[in-house]
PDB file of N, CA and C in Angstrom:
ATOM      1  N   MET A   1      63.424  26.710  -4.346  1.00  0.00           N
ATOM      2  CA  MET A   1      62.161  27.263  -4.843  1.00  0.00           C
ATOM      3  C   MET A   1      61.296  26.127  -5.355  1.00  0.00           C
ATOM      4  N   ALA A   2      60.017  26.270  -5.128  1.00  0.00           N
ATOM      5  CA  ALA A   2      59.065  25.241  -5.540  1.00  0.00           C
ATOM      6  C   ALA A   2      58.912  25.223  -7.063  1.00  0.00           C
ATOM      7  N   ASN A   3      58.647  24.037  -7.592  1.00  0.00           N
ATOM      8  CA  ASN A   3      58.422  23.891  -9.031  1.00  0.00           C
ATOM      9  C   ASN A   3      56.944  23.800  -9.372  1.00  0.00           C
ATOM     10  N   ILE A   4      56.159  23.330  -8.442  1.00  0.00           N
ATOM     11  CA  ILE A   4      54.726  23.121  -8.689  1.00  0.00           C
ATOM     12  C   ILE A   4      53.986  24.443  -8.509  1.00  0.00           C
ATOM     13  N   LYS A   5      53.031  24.692  -9.398  1.00  0.00           N
ATOM     14  CA  LYS A   5      52.325  25.971  -9.412  1.00  0.00           C
ATOM     15  C   LYS A   5      51.593  26.230  -8.086  1.00  0.00           C
ATOM     16  N   SER A   6      50.937  25.218  -7.564  1.00  0.00           N
ATOM     17  CA  SER A   6      50.185  25.401  -6.316  1.00  0.00           C
ATOM     18  C   SER A   6      51.127  25.691  -5.144  1.00  0.00           C
ATOM     19  N   ALA A   7      52.308  25.084  -5.175  1.00  0.00           N
ATOM     20  CA  ALA A   7      53.281  25.324  -4.108  1.00  0.00           C
ATOM     21  C   ALA A   7      53.807  26.755  -4.179  1.00  0.00           C
ATOM     22  N   LYS A   8      54.016  27.265  -5.402  1.00  0.00           N
ATOM     23  CA  LYS A   8      54.443  28.649  -5.570  1.00  0.00           C
ATOM     24  C   LYS A   8      53.391  29.602  -5.030  1.00  0.00           C
ATOM     25  N   LYS A   9      52.131  29.293  -5.307  1.00  0.00           N
ATOM     26  CA  LYS A   9      51.035  30.142  -4.822  1.00  0.00           C
ATOM     27  C   LYS A   9      50.995  30.127  -3.289  1.00  0.00           C
ATOM     28  N   ARG A  10      51.170  28.958  -2.698  1.00  0.00           N
ATOM     29  CA  ARG A  10      51.131  28.869  -1.235  1.00  0.00           C
ATOM     30  C   ARG A  10      52.233  29.728  -0.613  1.00  0.00           C
ATOM     31  N   ILE A  11      53.402  29.738  -1.239  1.00  0.00           N
ATOM     32  CA  ILE A  11      54.506  30.554  -0.727  1.00  0.00           C
ATOM     33  C   ILE A  11      54.120  32.030  -0.754  1.00  0.00           C
ATOM     34  N   LEU A  12      53.545  32.464  -1.871  1.00  0.00           N
ATOM     35  CA  LEU A  12      53.135  33.863  -1.993  1.00  0.00           C
ATOM     36  C   LEU A  12      52.049  34.224  -0.989  1.00  0.00           C
ATOM     37  N   VAL A  13      51.068  33.352  -0.864  1.00  0.00           N
ATOM     38  CA  VAL A  13      49.947  33.614   0.051  1.00  0.00           C
ATOM     39  C   VAL A  13      50.439  33.661   1.495  1.00  0.00           C
ATOM     40  N   SER A  14      51.337  32.759   1.850  1.00  0.00           N
ATOM     41  CA  SER A  14      51.829  32.753   3.226  1.00  0.00           C
ATOM     42  C   SER A  14      52.669  33.999   3.511  1.00  0.00           C
ATOM     43  N   GLN A  15      53.399  34.506   2.506  1.00  0.00           N
ATOM     44  CA  GLN A  15      54.159  35.744   2.695  1.00  0.00           C
ATOM     45  C   GLN A  15      53.223  36.929   2.922  1.00  0.00           C
ATOM     46  N   VAL A  16      52.143  36.990   2.143  1.00  0.00           N
ATOM     47  CA  VAL A  16      51.178  38.087   2.283  1.00  0.00           C
ATOM     48  C   VAL A  16      50.537  38.046   3.662  1.00  0.00           C
ATOM     49  N   ARG A  17      50.138  36.863   4.084  1.00  0.00           N
ATOM     50  CA  ARG A  17      49.497  36.730   5.400  1.00  0.00           C
ATOM     51  C   ARG A  17      50.463  37.035   6.539  1.00  0.00           C
ATOM     52  N   ALA A  18      51.712  36.637   6.388  1.00  0.00           N
ATOM     53  CA  ALA A  18      52.713  36.918   7.421  1.00  0.00           C
ATOM     54  C   ALA A  18      52.919  38.426   7.562  1.00  0.00           C
ATOM     55  N   GLU A  19      52.950  39.126   6.442  1.00  0.00           N
ATOM     56  CA  GLU A  19      53.102  40.588   6.488  1.00  0.00           C
ATOM     57  C   GLU A  19      51.892  41.243   7.140  1.00  0.00           C
ATOM     58  N   ARG A  20      50.701  40.754   6.802  1.00  0.00           N
ATOM     59  CA  ARG A  20      49.484  41.302   7.411  1.00  0.00           C
ATOM     60  C   ARG A  20      49.488  41.063   8.916  1.00  0.00           C
ATOM     61  N   ASN A  21      49.827  39.841   9.314  1.00  0.00           N
ATOM     62  CA  ASN A  21      49.862  39.520  10.743  1.00  0.00           C
ATOM     63  C   ASN A  21      50.893  40.364  11.474  1.00  0.00           C
ATOM     64  N   LYS A  22      52.038  40.593  10.829  1.00  0.00           N
ATOM     65  CA  LYS A  22      53.092  41.386  11.454  1.00  0.00           C
ATOM     66  C   LYS A  22      52.619  42.823  11.679  1.00  0.00           C
ATOM     67  N   ALA A  23      51.906  43.369  10.697  1.00  0.00           N
ATOM     68  CA  ALA A  23      51.401  44.740  10.821  1.00  0.00           C
ATOM     69  C   ALA A  23      50.363  44.828  11.943  1.00  0.00           C
ATOM     70  N   ILE A  24      49.492  43.850  12.021  1.00  0.00           N
ATOM     71  CA  ILE A  24      48.454  43.853  13.057  1.00  0.00           C
ATOM     72  C   ILE A  24      49.087  43.717  14.443  1.00  0.00           C
ATOM     73  N   LYS A  25      50.047  42.789  14.585  1.00  0.00           N
ATOM     74  CA  LYS A  25      50.720  42.604  15.873  1.00  0.00           C
ATOM     75  C   LYS A  25      51.461  43.862  16.303  1.00  0.00           C
ATOM     76  N   SER A  26      52.076  44.530  15.355  1.00  0.00           N
ATOM     77  CA  SER A  26      52.795  45.757  15.656  1.00  0.00           C
ATOM     78  C   SER A  26      51.842  46.829  16.184  1.00  0.00           C
ATOM     79  N   GLY A  27      50.674  46.945  15.561  1.00  0.00           N
ATOM     80  CA  GLY A  27      49.682  47.917  16.017  1.00  0.00           C
ATOM     81  C   GLY A  27      49.175  47.609  17.416  1.00  0.00           C
ATOM     82  N   VAL A  28      48.968  46.328  17.687  1.00  0.00           N
ATOM     83  CA  VAL A  28      48.495  45.917  19.012  1.00  0.00           C
ATOM     84  C   VAL A  28      49.557  46.230  20.069  1.00  0.00           C
ATOM     85  N   LYS A  29      50.812  45.926  19.760  1.00  0.00           N
ATOM     86  CA  LYS A  29      51.886  46.184  20.718  1.00  0.00           C
ATOM     87  C   LYS A  29      52.011  47.678  21.018  1.00  0.00           C
ATOM     88  N   THR A  30      51.854  48.500  19.989  1.00  0.00           N
ATOM     89  CA  THR A  30      51.914  49.948  20.178  1.00  0.00           C
ATOM     90  C   THR A  30      50.778  50.416  21.083  1.00  0.00           C
ATOM     91  N   ALA A  31      49.573  49.881  20.852  1.00  0.00           N
ATOM     92  CA  ALA A  31      48.419  50.264  21.667  1.00  0.00           C
ATOM     93  C   ALA A  31      48.632  49.869  23.125  1.00  0.00           C
ATOM     94  N   ILE A  32      49.196  48.690  23.345  1.00  0.00           N
ATOM     95  CA  ILE A  32      49.460  48.218  24.711  1.00  0.00           C
ATOM     96  C   ILE A  32      50.496  49.124  25.392  1.00  0.00           C
ATOM     97  N   LYS A  33      51.547  49.494  24.640  1.00  0.00           N
ATOM     98  CA  LYS A  33      52.582  50.361  25.201  1.00  0.00           C
ATOM     99  C   LYS A  33      52.002  51.712  25.612  1.00  0.00           C
ATOM    100  N   LYS A  34      51.043  52.220  24.840  1.00  0.00           N
ATOM    101  CA  LYS A  34      50.425  53.508  25.171  1.00  0.00           C
ATOM    102  C   LYS A  34      49.667  53.415  26.488  1.00  0.00           C
ATOM    103  N   VAL A  35      49.011  52.277  26.726  1.00  0.00           N
ATOM    104  CA  VAL A  35      48.279  52.095  27.989  1.00  0.00           C
ATOM    105  C   VAL A  35      49.256  52.143  29.158  1.00  0.00           C
ATOM    106  N   TYR A  36      50.314  51.358  29.070  1.00  0.00           N
ATOM    107  CA  TYR A  36      51.256  51.289  30.180  1.00  0.00           C
ATOM    108  C   TYR A  36      52.056  52.589  30.341  1.00  0.00           C
ATOM    109  N   ALA A  37      52.285  53.300  29.248  1.00  0.00           N
ATOM    110  CA  ALA A  37      52.964  54.598  29.346  1.00  0.00           C
ATOM    111  C   ALA A  37      52.088  55.590  30.101  1.00  0.00           C
ATOM    112  N   ALA A  38      50.774  55.574  29.830  1.00  0.00           N
ATOM    113  CA  ALA A  38      49.850  56.461  30.541  1.00  0.00           C
ATOM    114  C   ALA A  38      49.764  56.085  32.019  1.00  0.00           C
ATOM    115  N   VAL A  39      49.801  54.787  32.303  1.00  0.00           N
ATOM    116  CA  VAL A  39      49.765  54.330  33.693  1.00  0.00           C
ATOM    117  C   VAL A  39      51.028  54.796  34.425  1.00  0.00           C
ATOM    118  N   ASP A  40      52.174  54.662  33.773  1.00  0.00           N
ATOM    119  CA  ASP A  40      53.433  55.094  34.394  1.00  0.00           C
ATOM    120  C   ASP A  40      53.457  56.602  34.631  1.00  0.00           C
ATOM    121  N   ALA A  41      52.797  57.350  33.730  1.00  0.00           N
ATOM    122  CA  ALA A  41      52.746  58.803  33.863  1.00  0.00           C
ATOM    123  C   ALA A  41      51.665  59.245  34.855  1.00  0.00           C
ATOM    124  N   ASN A  42      50.915  58.293  35.399  1.00  0.00           N
ATOM    125  CA  ASN A  42      49.834  58.571  36.354  1.00  0.00           C
ATOM    126  C   ASN A  42      48.725  59.420  35.736  1.00  0.00           C
ATOM    127  N   ASP A  43      48.471  59.257  34.466  1.00  0.00           N
ATOM    128  CA  ASP A  43      47.432  60.000  33.750  1.00  0.00           C
ATOM    129  C   ASP A  43      46.236  59.074  33.543  1.00  0.00           C
ATOM    130  N   GLN A  44      45.270  59.191  34.463  1.00  0.00           N
ATOM    131  CA  GLN A  44      44.155  58.241  34.461  1.00  0.00           C
ATOM    132  C   GLN A  44      43.260  58.391  33.235  1.00  0.00           C
ATOM    133  N   ALA A  45      42.980  59.609  32.816  1.00  0.00           N
ATOM    134  CA  ALA A  45      42.114  59.833  31.657  1.00  0.00           C
ATOM    135  C   ALA A  45      42.743  59.261  30.387  1.00  0.00           C
ATOM    136  N   ALA A  46      44.029  59.508  30.204  1.00  0.00           N
ATOM    137  CA  ALA A  46      44.721  58.989  29.020  1.00  0.00           C
ATOM    138  C   ALA A  46      44.803  57.465  29.072  1.00  0.00           C
ATOM    139  N   ALA A  47      44.984  56.923  30.261  1.00  0.00           N
ATOM    140  CA  ALA A  47      45.076  55.466  30.406  1.00  0.00           C
ATOM    141  C   ALA A  47      43.758  54.799  30.029  1.00  0.00           C
ATOM    142  N   LYS A  48      42.645  55.392  30.465  1.00  0.00           N
ATOM    143  CA  LYS A  48      41.344  54.806  30.133  1.00  0.00           C
ATOM    144  C   LYS A  48      41.063  54.883  28.639  1.00  0.00           C
ATOM    145  N   GLU A  49      41.417  56.003  28.040  1.00  0.00           N
ATOM    146  CA  GLU A  49      41.228  56.157  26.590  1.00  0.00           C
ATOM    147  C   GLU A  49      42.108  55.174  25.824  1.00  0.00           C
ATOM    148  N   ALA A  50      43.364  55.047  26.255  1.00  0.00           N
ATOM    149  CA  ALA A  50      44.279  54.122  25.603  1.00  0.00           C
ATOM    150  C   ALA A  50      43.823  52.675  25.796  1.00  0.00           C
ATOM    151  N   LEU A  51      43.230  52.389  26.953  1.00  0.00           N
ATOM    152  CA  LEU A  51      42.727  51.043  27.219  1.00  0.00           C
ATOM    153  C   LEU A  51      41.603  50.682  26.254  1.00  0.00           C
ATOM    154  N   VAL A  52      40.710  51.637  26.005  1.00  0.00           N
ATOM    155  CA  VAL A  52      39.610  51.394  25.063  1.00  0.00           C
ATOM    156  C   VAL A  52      40.168  51.109  23.667  1.00  0.00           C
ATOM    157  N   ASN A  53      41.134  51.910  23.248  1.00  0.00           N
ATOM    158  CA  ASN A  53      41.736  51.715  21.921  1.00  0.00           C
ATOM    159  C   ASN A  53      42.486  50.391  21.830  1.00  0.00           C
ATOM    160  N   ALA A  54      43.223  50.042  22.874  1.00  0.00           N
ATOM    161  CA  ALA A  54      43.984  48.797  22.877  1.00  0.00           C
ATOM    162  C   ALA A  54      43.055  47.588  22.873  1.00  0.00           C
ATOM    163  N   THR A  55      41.980  47.674  23.654  1.00  0.00           N
ATOM    164  CA  THR A  55      41.011  46.576  23.701  1.00  0.00           C
ATOM    165  C   THR A  55      40.393  46.352  22.324  1.00  0.00           C
ATOM    166  N   SER A  56      40.049  47.434  21.664  1.00  0.00           N
ATOM    167  CA  SER A  56      39.474  47.347  20.329  1.00  0.00           C
ATOM    168  C   SER A  56      40.454  46.708  19.350  1.00  0.00           C
ATOM    169  N   ALA A  57      41.699  47.149  19.382  1.00  0.00           N
ATOM    170  CA  ALA A  57      42.712  46.609  18.470  1.00  0.00           C
ATOM    171  C   ALA A  57      42.947  45.125  18.726  1.00  0.00           C
ATOM    172  N   MET A  58      42.973  44.754  19.996  1.00  0.00           N
ATOM    173  CA  MET A  58      43.208  43.348  20.333  1.00  0.00           C
ATOM    174  C   MET A  58      42.033  42.469  19.932  1.00  0.00           C
ATOM    175  N   ASP A  59      40.817  42.965  20.118  1.00  0.00           N
ATOM    176  CA  ASP A  59      39.640  42.195  19.711  1.00  0.00           C
ATOM    177  C   ASP A  59      39.605  41.987  18.198  1.00  0.00           C
ATOM    178  N   LYS A  60      39.993  43.008  17.456  1.00  0.00           N
ATOM    179  CA  LYS A  60      40.034  42.889  15.994  1.00  0.00           C
ATOM    180  C   LYS A  60      41.094  41.873  15.574  1.00  0.00           C
ATOM    181  N   ALA A  61      42.245  41.916  16.231  1.00  0.00           N
ATOM    182  CA  ALA A  61      43.309  40.965  15.921  1.00  0.00           C
ATOM    183  C   ALA A  61      42.862  39.538  16.231  1.00  0.00           C
ATOM    184  N   CYS A  62      42.131  39.376  17.312  1.00  0.00           N
ATOM    185  CA  CYS A  62      41.609  38.061  17.694  1.00  0.00           C
ATOM    186  C   CYS A  62      40.603  37.564  16.655  1.00  0.00           C
ATOM    187  N   ALA A  63      39.748  38.458  16.189  1.00  0.00           N
ATOM    188  CA  ALA A  63      38.742  38.079  15.203  1.00  0.00           C
ATOM    189  C   ALA A  63      39.380  37.652  13.883  1.00  0.00           C
ATOM    190  N   LYS A  64      40.535  38.227  13.567  1.00  0.00           N
ATOM    191  CA  LYS A  64      41.226  37.888  12.326  1.00  0.00           C
ATOM    192  C   LYS A  64      42.142  36.676  12.487  1.00  0.00           C
ATOM    193  N   GLY A  65      42.232  36.151  13.699  1.00  0.00           N
ATOM    194  CA  GLY A  65      43.014  34.943  13.917  1.00  0.00           C
ATOM    195  C   GLY A  65      44.488  35.181  14.157  1.00  0.00           C
ATOM    196  N   VAL A  66      44.864  36.430  14.447  1.00  0.00           N
ATOM    197  CA  VAL A  66      46.268  36.726  14.686  1.00  0.00           C
ATOM    198  C   VAL A  66      46.665  36.259  16.087  1.00  0.00           C
ATOM    199  N   TYR A  67      45.781  36.466  17.053  1.00  0.00           N
ATOM    200  CA  TYR A  67      46.008  36.028  18.425  1.00  0.00           C
ATOM    201  C   TYR A  67      44.923  35.049  18.832  1.00  0.00           C
ATOM    202  N   HIS A  68      45.257  34.156  19.763  1.00  0.00           N
ATOM    203  CA  HIS A  68      44.267  33.247  20.330  1.00  0.00           C
ATOM    204  C   HIS A  68      43.350  34.026  21.274  1.00  0.00           C
ATOM    205  N   LYS A  69      42.097  33.623  21.348  1.00  0.00           N
ATOM    206  CA  LYS A  69      41.129  34.387  22.147  1.00  0.00           C
ATOM    207  C   LYS A  69      41.487  34.418  23.628  1.00  0.00           C
ATOM    208  N   ASN A  70      42.059  33.346  24.146  1.00  0.00           N
ATOM    209  CA  ASN A  70      42.427  33.336  25.566  1.00  0.00           C
ATOM    210  C   ASN A  70      43.603  34.269  25.846  1.00  0.00           C
ATOM    211  N   THR A  71      44.514  34.374  24.894  1.00  0.00           N
ATOM    212  CA  THR A  71      45.645  35.288  25.035  1.00  0.00           C
ATOM    213  C   THR A  71      45.147  36.721  25.109  1.00  0.00           C
ATOM    214  N   VAL A  72      44.229  37.057  24.216  1.00  0.00           N
ATOM    215  CA  VAL A  72      43.669  38.409  24.192  1.00  0.00           C
ATOM    216  C   VAL A  72      42.905  38.690  25.482  1.00  0.00           C
ATOM    217  N   ALA A  73      42.106  37.729  25.924  1.00  0.00           N
ATOM    218  CA  ALA A  73      41.324  37.911  27.145  1.00  0.00           C
ATOM    219  C   ALA A  73      42.239  38.133  28.349  1.00  0.00           C
ATOM    220  N   ARG A  74      43.317  37.371  28.426  1.00  0.00           N
ATOM    221  CA  ARG A  74      44.260  37.500  29.544  1.00  0.00           C
ATOM    222  C   ARG A  74      44.939  38.868  29.538  1.00  0.00           C
ATOM    223  N   LYS A  75      45.393  39.300  28.373  1.00  0.00           N
ATOM    224  CA  LYS A  75      46.087  40.584  28.286  1.00  0.00           C
ATOM    225  C   LYS A  75      45.146  41.750  28.590  1.00  0.00           C
ATOM    226  N   ILE A  76      43.911  41.681  28.089  1.00  0.00           N
ATOM    227  CA  ILE A  76      42.932  42.741  28.358  1.00  0.00           C
ATOM    228  C   ILE A  76      42.607  42.783  29.846  1.00  0.00           C
ATOM    229  N   SER A  77      42.456  41.617  30.449  1.00  0.00           N
ATOM    230  CA  SER A  77      42.140  41.542  31.869  1.00  0.00           C
ATOM    231  C   SER A  77      43.245  42.181  32.710  1.00  0.00           C
ATOM    232  N   ARG A  78      44.486  41.879  32.378  1.00  0.00           N
ATOM    233  CA  ARG A  78      45.610  42.425  33.143  1.00  0.00           C
ATOM    234  C   ARG A  78      45.730  43.940  32.964  1.00  0.00           C
ATOM    235  N   MET A  79      45.509  44.383  31.720  1.00  0.00           N
ATOM    236  CA  MET A  79      45.573  45.835  31.474  1.00  0.00           C
ATOM    237  C   MET A  79      44.462  46.551  32.219  1.00  0.00           C
ATOM    238  N   SER A  80      43.261  45.991  32.179  1.00  0.00           N
ATOM    239  CA  SER A  80      42.124  46.612  32.852  1.00  0.00           C
ATOM    240  C   SER A  80      42.365  46.701  34.348  1.00  0.00           C
ATOM    241  N   ALA A  81      42.894  45.633  34.918  1.00  0.00           N
ATOM    242  CA  ALA A  81      43.178  45.621  36.353  1.00  0.00           C
ATOM    243  C   ALA A  81      44.199  46.699  36.706  1.00  0.00           C
ATOM    244  N   THR A  82      45.209  46.859  35.865  1.00  0.00           N
ATOM    245  CA  THR A  82      46.257  47.856  36.104  1.00  0.00           C
ATOM    246  C   THR A  82      45.669  49.263  36.055  1.00  0.00           C
ATOM    247  N   VAL A  83      44.821  49.516  35.055  1.00  0.00           N
ATOM    248  CA  VAL A  83      44.219  50.846  34.920  1.00  0.00           C
ATOM    249  C   VAL A  83      43.254  51.107  36.080  1.00  0.00           C
ATOM    250  N   ASN A  84      42.484  50.107  36.464  1.00  0.00           N
ATOM    251  CA  ASN A  84      41.512  50.281  37.546  1.00  0.00           C
ATOM    252  C   ASN A  84      42.175  50.507  38.900  1.00  0.00           C
ATOM    253  N   LYS A  85      43.403  50.012  39.078  1.00  0.00           N
ATOM    254  CA  LYS A  85      44.126  50.226  40.335  1.00  0.00           C
ATOM    255  C   LYS A  85      44.512  51.682  40.520  1.00  0.00           C
ATOM    256  N   MET A  86      44.567  52.431  39.417  1.00  0.00           N
ATOM    257  CA  MET A  86      44.936  53.841  39.503  1.00  0.00           C
ATOM    258  C   MET A  86      43.885  54.662  40.228  1.00  0.00           C
ATOM    259  N   ALA A  87      42.636  54.227  40.181  1.00  0.00           N
ATOM    260  CA  ALA A  87      41.522  55.023  40.742  1.00  0.00           C
ATOM    261  C   ALA A  87      41.599  55.144  42.241  1.00  0.00           C
TER     262      ALA A  87
END
């Protein structure tokens, strides 16, 4: 355990941020799974709705610095292509 006050604070702050990032990543993963579940079920309307929700969640995560912007762009592009192939 750290003895210096600033080091103790950094430990606490990094724990809080790690928990926040974990919650955001979990939400994004759930949204992505819903898109692919709708695609597997051949439900085009649900897939498009889930895609909109997943895109929104991923963009928010990117804005907060949880994911790199290129990672988000790549994942959104692949999901969109998958959903568009259903048509």
